[in-house]
Protein backbone atom coordinates (compact mmCIF):
# COMPACT_ATOMS: atom_id res chain seq x y z
CA MET A 1 8.69 11.56 -32.08
CA LYS A 2 7.01 9.54 -29.29
CA SER A 3 10.33 8.98 -27.56
CA ASP A 4 10.01 8.22 -23.86
CA PHE A 5 11.88 11.34 -22.79
CA GLY A 6 12.61 14.73 -24.29
CA PHE A 7 14.81 17.53 -22.97
CA LEU A 8 14.42 21.21 -23.80
CA ILE A 9 17.43 23.34 -22.94
CA GLY A 10 16.89 27.10 -22.81
CA SER A 11 16.89 29.46 -19.83
CA ASP A 12 16.31 26.30 -17.80
CA LEU A 13 16.21 22.54 -18.43
CA ARG A 14 12.79 21.01 -18.98
CA VAL A 15 12.16 17.27 -18.81
CA PHE A 16 9.28 15.88 -20.85
CA TYR A 17 7.77 12.41 -21.00
CA ASP A 18 5.81 11.02 -23.97
CA GLY A 19 6.08 7.26 -23.56
CA ALA A 20 3.50 4.50 -23.29
CA LEU A 21 2.26 5.67 -19.86
CA ASN A 22 1.21 9.06 -21.22
CA PRO A 23 -2.55 8.96 -22.06
CA HIS A 24 -2.53 12.56 -23.32
CA THR A 25 -1.97 13.91 -26.83
CA ASP A 26 0.82 16.27 -25.77
CA PRO A 27 4.00 15.35 -23.89
CA ILE A 28 3.94 15.76 -20.11
CA LEU A 29 6.27 18.32 -18.54
CA LEU A 30 7.76 16.40 -15.61
CA GLU A 31 9.90 19.17 -14.15
CA ARG A 32 11.92 22.32 -14.71
CA ILE A 33 15.49 22.53 -13.48
CA GLU A 34 17.19 25.87 -12.94
CA PHE A 35 20.88 26.05 -13.83
CA GLY A 36 23.00 26.25 -10.69
CA LYS A 37 26.22 24.67 -9.46
CA GLN A 38 24.61 23.26 -6.32
CA SER A 39 21.18 22.43 -7.79
CA GLU A 40 19.92 19.23 -6.18
CA LYS A 41 17.53 18.69 -9.08
CA GLY A 42 20.41 19.13 -11.50
CA ILE A 43 22.61 16.63 -9.68
CA SER A 44 19.76 14.11 -9.56
CA PHE A 45 19.06 14.65 -13.28
CA VAL A 46 22.65 13.86 -14.23
CA LYS A 47 22.63 10.69 -12.14
CA LEU A 48 19.34 9.47 -13.57
CA PHE A 49 19.85 10.28 -17.22
CA ASN A 50 23.49 9.41 -17.87
CA LYS A 51 24.11 6.56 -20.27
CA SER A 52 24.68 3.81 -17.70
CA SER A 53 21.66 4.73 -15.59
CA LEU A 54 19.38 4.71 -18.61
CA ALA A 55 20.74 1.34 -19.69
CA GLU A 56 19.94 -0.07 -16.23
CA ASN A 57 16.48 1.55 -16.10
CA ARG A 58 17.28 3.44 -12.90
CA HIS A 59 14.88 6.17 -14.01
CA ASP A 60 11.76 3.99 -13.57
CA GLU A 61 11.08 5.08 -9.97
CA TYR A 62 11.70 8.70 -10.93
CA LEU A 63 9.15 8.41 -13.77
CA LYS A 64 6.53 6.71 -11.61
CA GLY A 65 6.89 9.36 -8.92
CA LYS A 66 6.65 12.27 -11.36
CA LEU A 67 3.64 10.79 -13.18
CA HIS A 68 1.90 10.20 -9.85
CA THR A 69 2.48 13.84 -8.90
CA PHE A 70 1.30 15.06 -12.31
CA ASN A 71 -1.89 12.97 -12.22
CA LYS A 72 -2.61 13.97 -8.63
CA LYS A 73 -2.31 17.67 -9.48
CA LYS A 74 -4.66 17.16 -12.43
CA GLU A 75 -7.22 15.34 -10.27
CA VAL A 76 -7.03 18.02 -7.58
CA SER A 77 -7.44 20.78 -10.17
CA GLU A 78 -10.53 19.12 -11.65
CA LEU A 79 -12.04 18.59 -8.20
CA VAL A 80 -11.40 22.21 -7.21
CA GLN A 81 -13.19 23.30 -10.38
CA GLN A 82 -16.20 21.17 -9.42
CA LEU A 83 -16.17 22.36 -5.79
CA THR A 84 -16.23 26.00 -6.87
CA SER A 85 -18.96 25.53 -9.50
CA PHE A 86 -22.36 27.23 -9.36
CA GLU A 87 -24.05 23.82 -9.16
CA ILE A 88 -22.26 22.97 -5.89
CA LYS A 89 -23.21 26.36 -4.45
CA GLN A 90 -26.83 25.61 -5.28
CA LYS A 91 -26.57 22.24 -3.54
CA VAL A 92 -25.19 23.98 -0.44
CA VAL A 93 -28.15 26.36 -0.50
CA GLY A 94 -30.45 23.37 -0.90
CA TYR A 95 -28.87 21.73 2.14
CA LEU A 96 -29.42 24.91 4.17
CA ARG A 97 -33.05 24.99 3.04
CA ASN A 98 -33.60 21.46 4.32
CA GLU A 99 -32.25 22.50 7.73
CA PHE A 100 -35.23 24.82 8.20
CA PRO A 101 -38.29 22.82 7.10
CA ASP A 102 -40.68 24.88 9.25
CA ILE A 103 -39.81 28.14 7.45
CA ASP A 104 -41.88 28.98 4.38
CA ASP A 105 -40.11 29.40 1.03
CA GLU A 106 -40.58 33.15 0.68
CA THR A 107 -39.26 33.90 4.19
CA PHE A 108 -36.24 31.70 3.56
CA SER A 109 -35.59 33.38 0.19
CA ASP A 110 -35.81 36.81 1.78
CA ALA A 111 -33.40 35.77 4.55
CA LEU A 112 -31.01 34.31 1.99
CA GLN A 113 -30.67 37.73 0.38
CA HIS A 114 -28.83 38.84 3.54
CA VAL A 115 -26.42 35.87 3.48
CA HIS A 116 -23.44 35.43 1.18
CA VAL A 117 -22.77 31.80 0.24
CA GLU A 118 -19.44 31.49 -1.55
CA ILE A 119 -16.98 28.69 -2.32
CA SER A 120 -13.91 29.97 -4.15
CA ARG A 121 -10.28 29.13 -4.78
CA LYS A 122 -7.74 30.32 -2.24
CA GLY A 123 -6.06 33.44 -3.50
CA GLU A 124 -9.27 34.74 -5.09
CA LEU A 125 -10.62 36.11 -1.80
CA LYS A 126 -8.48 39.26 -1.74
CA GLN A 127 -9.41 40.03 -5.33
CA GLN A 128 -13.11 39.54 -4.54
CA ILE A 129 -12.88 41.83 -1.51
CA ALA A 130 -11.16 44.50 -3.58
CA THR A 131 -13.82 44.19 -6.27
CA VAL A 132 -16.64 44.50 -3.75
CA GLU A 133 -15.03 47.54 -2.13
CA LYS A 134 -14.67 49.17 -5.55
CA GLN A 135 -18.31 48.44 -6.37
CA GLU A 136 -19.44 49.89 -3.06
CA ARG A 137 -17.64 53.11 -3.91
CA THR A 138 -19.35 53.24 -7.33
CA PRO A 139 -22.76 55.01 -7.47
CA ILE A 140 -25.56 52.46 -7.82
CA ARG A 141 -27.21 54.30 -10.70
CA LYS A 142 -23.98 54.18 -12.69
CA LYS A 143 -23.73 50.43 -12.20
CA ILE A 144 -27.34 49.95 -13.23
CA ARG A 145 -26.93 51.94 -16.43
CA ARG A 146 -23.92 49.85 -17.35
CA GLN A 147 -25.96 46.68 -16.88
CA ILE A 148 -28.87 47.98 -18.97
CA HIS A 149 -26.70 48.24 -22.06
CA VAL A 150 -25.40 44.65 -21.86
CA PRO A 151 -27.42 42.62 -24.36
CA ASN A 152 -29.29 39.69 -22.84
CA GLN A 153 -27.78 37.24 -25.32
CA GLN A 154 -24.26 38.19 -24.25
CA ILE A 155 -25.14 37.51 -20.62
CA ILE A 156 -26.46 34.06 -21.49
CA GLU A 157 -23.29 33.20 -23.40
CA SER A 158 -20.85 34.36 -20.70
CA VAL A 159 -22.37 32.58 -17.68
CA PRO A 160 -24.52 29.46 -17.18
CA VAL A 161 -28.26 30.07 -17.57
CA SER A 162 -28.79 28.81 -14.02
CA ALA A 163 -26.37 31.37 -12.57
CA LYS A 164 -27.87 34.16 -14.68
CA ILE A 165 -31.50 33.57 -13.71
CA ALA A 166 -30.80 33.00 -10.01
CA ASN A 167 -28.80 36.23 -9.72
CA ILE A 168 -30.53 38.73 -12.01
CA PRO A 169 -29.91 42.16 -10.39
CA PHE A 170 -33.48 43.43 -10.29
CA GLU A 171 -33.85 46.82 -8.65
CA SER A 172 -37.36 46.17 -7.30
CA HIS A 173 -37.83 44.96 -3.73
CA LEU A 174 -39.79 42.08 -5.32
CA GLU A 175 -36.60 40.77 -6.91
CA ILE A 176 -37.17 37.14 -5.84
CA ARG A 177 -40.67 37.07 -7.30
CA LEU A 178 -39.41 38.68 -10.52
CA ARG A 179 -36.58 36.12 -10.84
CA HIS A 180 -39.08 33.28 -10.57
CA ILE A 181 -41.32 34.82 -13.23
CA TYR A 182 -38.31 35.57 -15.43
CA GLY A 183 -37.21 31.93 -15.24
CA VAL A 184 -40.60 30.62 -16.34
CA LEU A 185 -40.77 33.14 -19.20
CA TYR A 186 -37.24 32.28 -20.27
CA PHE A 187 -38.09 28.61 -20.73
CA MET A 188 -41.42 29.40 -22.37
CA LYS A 189 -39.45 31.47 -24.88
CA GLN A 190 -37.45 28.29 -25.57
CA GLY A 191 -40.68 26.54 -26.54
CA LEU A 192 -41.53 24.74 -23.28
CA ASP A 193 -45.08 24.67 -21.94
CA PHE A 194 -45.93 26.36 -18.63
CA PRO A 195 -45.68 23.28 -16.33
CA PHE A 196 -42.32 22.18 -17.73
CA ALA A 197 -40.98 25.75 -17.70
CA THR A 198 -41.97 26.03 -14.05
CA HIS A 199 -40.25 22.77 -13.13
CA GLN A 200 -37.09 23.85 -14.95
CA THR A 201 -37.09 27.17 -13.09
CA LEU A 202 -37.52 25.39 -9.75
CA LYS A 203 -34.13 23.68 -10.28
CA PHE A 204 -32.38 27.08 -10.11
CA PHE A 205 -33.83 27.94 -6.71
CA PRO A 206 -32.99 25.14 -4.25
CA GLU A 207 -34.36 27.22 -1.38
CA VAL A 208 -37.83 26.76 -2.92
CA GLN A 209 -39.10 23.27 -2.18
CA ASP A 210 -42.46 23.26 -3.92
CA TYR A 211 -43.28 23.50 -7.63
CA GLN A 212 -46.52 25.24 -6.69
CA THR A 213 -44.59 28.16 -5.18
CA ILE A 214 -43.13 29.11 -8.56
CA SER A 215 -46.45 28.50 -10.29
CA ASP A 216 -48.30 30.75 -7.84
CA LYS A 217 -45.83 33.60 -8.37
CA CYS A 218 -46.77 33.57 -12.06
CA ALA A 219 -50.44 32.67 -11.86
CA ARG A 220 -52.39 33.48 -8.70
CA GLY A 221 -49.97 36.16 -7.47
CA PHE A 222 -49.60 37.92 -10.83
CA ALA A 223 -51.98 36.97 -13.63
CA GLY A 224 -54.77 35.53 -11.47
CA ASN A 225 -54.54 32.08 -13.04
CA VAL A 226 -52.35 29.99 -15.33
CA ASP A 227 -54.53 30.39 -18.44
CA THR A 228 -54.34 34.19 -18.20
CA PHE A 229 -50.56 34.08 -17.75
CA ILE A 230 -50.22 31.91 -20.86
CA SER A 231 -52.57 34.11 -22.89
CA TRP A 232 -50.59 37.25 -21.96
CA PHE A 233 -47.43 35.49 -23.08
CA ASN A 234 -48.89 34.29 -26.39
CA SER A 235 -50.53 37.63 -27.22
CA GLY A 236 -47.44 39.75 -26.50
CA GLN A 237 -49.09 41.55 -23.56
CA MET A 238 -46.71 40.16 -20.94
CA LEU A 239 -44.26 43.07 -20.81
CA ASN A 240 -47.00 45.68 -20.31
CA LYS A 241 -48.74 43.52 -17.71
CA LEU A 242 -45.49 43.12 -15.74
CA TYR A 243 -44.87 46.86 -15.87
CA ALA A 244 -48.37 47.68 -14.67
CA LYS A 245 -48.57 45.02 -11.95
CA PHE A 246 -45.17 45.58 -10.34
CA SER A 247 -44.53 49.23 -11.29
CA LEU A 248 -41.22 48.12 -12.78
CA PRO A 249 -38.36 50.63 -12.60
CA ASP A 250 -36.60 51.32 -15.89
CA HIS A 251 -33.77 48.89 -15.10
CA ASP A 252 -36.11 45.95 -14.46
CA TYR A 253 -38.30 46.85 -17.45
CA GLU A 254 -35.26 46.68 -19.72
CA ILE A 255 -34.36 43.20 -18.45
CA PHE A 256 -37.80 41.82 -19.30
CA LYS A 257 -37.85 43.75 -22.58
CA GLU A 258 -34.61 42.03 -23.65
CA LEU A 259 -36.19 38.67 -22.87
CA LEU A 260 -39.63 39.23 -24.39
CA GLY A 261 -38.79 41.60 -27.23
């Protein structure tokens, strides 16, 4: 109806606003008031919304205060969502990388595997601890088998590509190297050429400062050179070459098979 105020009376009293100061499609819920003889909110409501008070616009300050609180909560919620995003975590890791410029990329990456960088909402910590404890009590092989049967496409749809590639649970001790190679292959599967695919992959690993580091993992350290890496990809030999070079365990083989198949 686009009236300034609306009141819903049920198990409690709910005050809505939908006037000119509401930029949203739906009415704003200003407050809920429980029914009680000594309710301070109830007493204030009666004073503000009786006929004479409305005629004299005594509710203006009340409205401004409630809208300010509503907008502030919305802003805080949006900021919390940004602060807990994967992108911010990557920026934190990038900051840490810059603090140790004398350490080579591979050493820093290896050290980072022993550090847990996490920014989460308050109240989620206990749940995360409980989840970790449960996982630690679960046999590793059982967890791996469960991951093998999750289709790659489903993983891509449920989490950002950046989070997926940077945290692929490879079983091999060469997990960092395999993640870098996986990232390049992922973008080549999307139709990008090798240099662009390498640059895109670099964005997911802020601890790696040099484009050449990712390139070398694919070329000199694996295929011997870039042209060979590209030819293996184009000819469909890549999966077998990865298996032979790194002696991939079944779990890691399945991950690359999902990508390259």
